[in-house]
Structures are given as C-alpha cells and as structure tokens.
Amino acid sequence: MTILLAAAFDNAAAANVLSVTLRNMPIAHRKRMMLARSWSTHHSILARRAVSGAIDVQFQKTPRNVS
C-alpha cells in the first residue's frame, strides 16, 4: 500500500487503483467513500494533464516578424 500511495501522487493509473482499493477497505463507509472520491478526483486531474500535455510544459512567446 505504501508503494501504491507514493506512486499515486504522480501516476494516474496508480491513483485509480488506490481509489478502487479504498472502496473495498474495511473502514467506516463515510470515510471510505470520502478517501476513494478524493483519489478518483486526483486520478481525473492527472489523466487530464497527461492528455493535454500540461506536465512539464513551458510556453514561450514566439517572436513576431516585423516587416
């Protein structure tokens, strides 16, 4: 679980696995759903960044050709 948790901060697939795993943990229903929803949201954010290429992207202004 510790390795999965560490990987889930930067990896969308690991965050998704953690979310699914938390849904099946033997803890109070409310806490279980809150934690699972939180990691599911984190998964969505990481996946959206990966698709858009927003991770480690630096935008630079392109010089305008002045004629």
C-alpha atoms as a PDB file:
ATOM      1  CA  MET A   1       0.000   0.000   0.000  1.00  0.00           C
ATOM      2  CA  THR A   2       2.839   2.398   0.766  1.00  0.00           C
ATOM      3  CA  ILE A   3       4.374   1.984  -2.685  1.00  0.00           C
ATOM      4  CA  LEU A   4       0.961   2.381  -4.294  1.00  0.00           C
ATOM      5  CA  LEU A   5       0.339   5.556  -2.304  1.00  0.00           C
ATOM      6  CA  ALA A   6       3.727   7.004  -3.268  1.00  0.00           C
ATOM      7  CA  ALA A   7       3.126   6.231  -6.941  1.00  0.00           C
ATOM      8  CA  ALA A   8      -0.422   7.650  -6.869  1.00  0.00           C
ATOM      9  CA  PHE A   9       0.799  11.217  -6.368  1.00  0.00           C
ATOM     10  CA  ASP A  10       2.311  11.331  -9.874  1.00  0.00           C
ATOM     11  CA  ASN A  11       0.703   8.437 -11.741  1.00  0.00           C
ATOM     12  CA  ALA A  12      -2.931   8.483 -12.870  1.00  0.00           C
ATOM     13  CA  ALA A  13      -3.201   4.678 -13.090  1.00  0.00           C
ATOM     14  CA  ALA A  14      -1.874   4.238  -9.547  1.00  0.00           C
ATOM     15  CA  ALA A  15      -4.330   6.865  -8.271  1.00  0.00           C
ATOM     16  CA  ASN A  16      -7.159   4.953  -9.922  1.00  0.00           C
ATOM     17  CA  VAL A  17      -6.043   1.641  -8.375  1.00  0.00           C
ATOM     18  CA  LEU A  18      -5.792   3.324  -4.979  1.00  0.00           C
ATOM     19  CA  SER A  19      -9.309   4.713  -5.358  1.00  0.00           C
ATOM     20  CA  VAL A  20     -10.744   1.286  -6.222  1.00  0.00           C
ATOM     21  CA  THR A  21      -8.797  -0.365  -3.400  1.00  0.00           C
ATOM     22  CA  LEU A  22     -10.042   2.181  -0.870  1.00  0.00           C
ATOM     23  CA  ARG A  23     -13.650   1.494  -1.880  1.00  0.00           C
ATOM     24  CA  ASN A  24     -13.180  -2.079  -0.627  1.00  0.00           C
ATOM     25  CA  MET A  25     -11.337  -1.315   2.635  1.00  0.00           C
ATOM     26  CA  PRO A  26     -12.961  -2.382   5.906  1.00  0.00           C
ATOM     27  CA  ILE A  27     -13.325   1.125   7.358  1.00  0.00           C
ATOM     28  CA  ALA A  28     -16.328   3.341   8.051  1.00  0.00           C
ATOM     29  CA  HIS A  29     -18.443   3.875   4.935  1.00  0.00           C
ATOM     30  CA  ARG A  30     -18.305   7.673   5.008  1.00  0.00           C
ATOM     31  CA  LYS A  31     -14.505   7.821   5.413  1.00  0.00           C
ATOM     32  CA  ARG A  32     -14.034   5.089   2.804  1.00  0.00           C
ATOM     33  CA  MET A  33     -16.128   6.931   0.212  1.00  0.00           C
ATOM     34  CA  MET A  34     -14.517  10.288   1.003  1.00  0.00           C
ATOM     35  CA  LEU A  35     -10.991   8.900   0.522  1.00  0.00           C
ATOM     36  CA  ALA A  36     -11.949   6.966  -2.613  1.00  0.00           C
ATOM     37  CA  ARG A  37     -13.627  10.028  -4.137  1.00  0.00           C
ATOM     38  CA  SER A  38     -10.587  12.156  -3.351  1.00  0.00           C
ATOM     39  CA  TRP A  39      -8.213   9.766  -5.146  1.00  0.00           C
ATOM     40  CA  SER A  40     -10.649   9.371  -8.003  1.00  0.00           C
ATOM     41  CA  THR A  41     -10.639  13.148  -8.451  1.00  0.00           C
ATOM     42  CA  HIS A  42      -6.844  13.172  -8.287  1.00  0.00           C
ATOM     43  CA  HIS A  43      -6.805  10.466 -10.982  1.00  0.00           C
ATOM     44  CA  SER A  44      -9.013  12.611 -13.216  1.00  0.00           C
ATOM     45  CA  ILE A  45      -6.735  15.625 -12.785  1.00  0.00           C
ATOM     46  CA  LEU A  46      -3.587  13.632 -13.570  1.00  0.00           C
ATOM     47  CA  ALA A  47      -5.208  11.954 -16.573  1.00  0.00           C
ATOM     48  CA  ARG A  48      -6.380  15.294 -17.947  1.00  0.00           C
ATOM     49  CA  ARG A  49      -2.864  16.719 -17.568  1.00  0.00           C
ATOM     50  CA  ALA A  50      -1.342  13.748 -19.359  1.00  0.00           C
ATOM     51  CA  VAL A  51      -3.790  14.032 -22.249  1.00  0.00           C
ATOM     52  CA  SER A  52      -3.339  17.765 -22.638  1.00  0.00           C
ATOM     53  CA  GLY A  53       0.427  17.551 -22.248  1.00  0.00           C
ATOM     54  CA  ALA A  54       0.366  20.065 -19.410  1.00  0.00           C
ATOM     55  CA  ILE A  55       3.007  18.268 -17.363  1.00  0.00           C
ATOM     56  CA  ASP A  56       6.405  19.988 -17.579  1.00  0.00           C
ATOM     57  CA  VAL A  57       5.335  22.175 -20.468  1.00  0.00           C
ATOM     58  CA  GLN A  58       6.742  25.658 -20.640  1.00  0.00           C
ATOM     59  CA  PHE A  59       5.208  28.047 -23.093  1.00  0.00           C
ATOM     60  CA  GLN A  60       7.333  30.700 -24.714  1.00  0.00           C
ATOM     61  CA  LYS A  61       6.235  33.691 -26.688  1.00  0.00           C
ATOM     62  CA  THR A  62       7.010  33.346 -30.345  1.00  0.00           C
ATOM     63  CA  PRO A  63       8.725  36.338 -31.854  1.00  0.00           C
ATOM     64  CA  ARG A  64       6.625  38.319 -34.295  1.00  0.00           C
ATOM     65  CA  ASN A  65       8.078  39.042 -37.678  1.00  0.00           C
ATOM     66  CA  VAL A  66       8.044  42.775 -38.025  1.00  0.00           C
ATOM     67  CA  SER A  67       8.281  43.825 -41.660  1.00  0.00           C
END
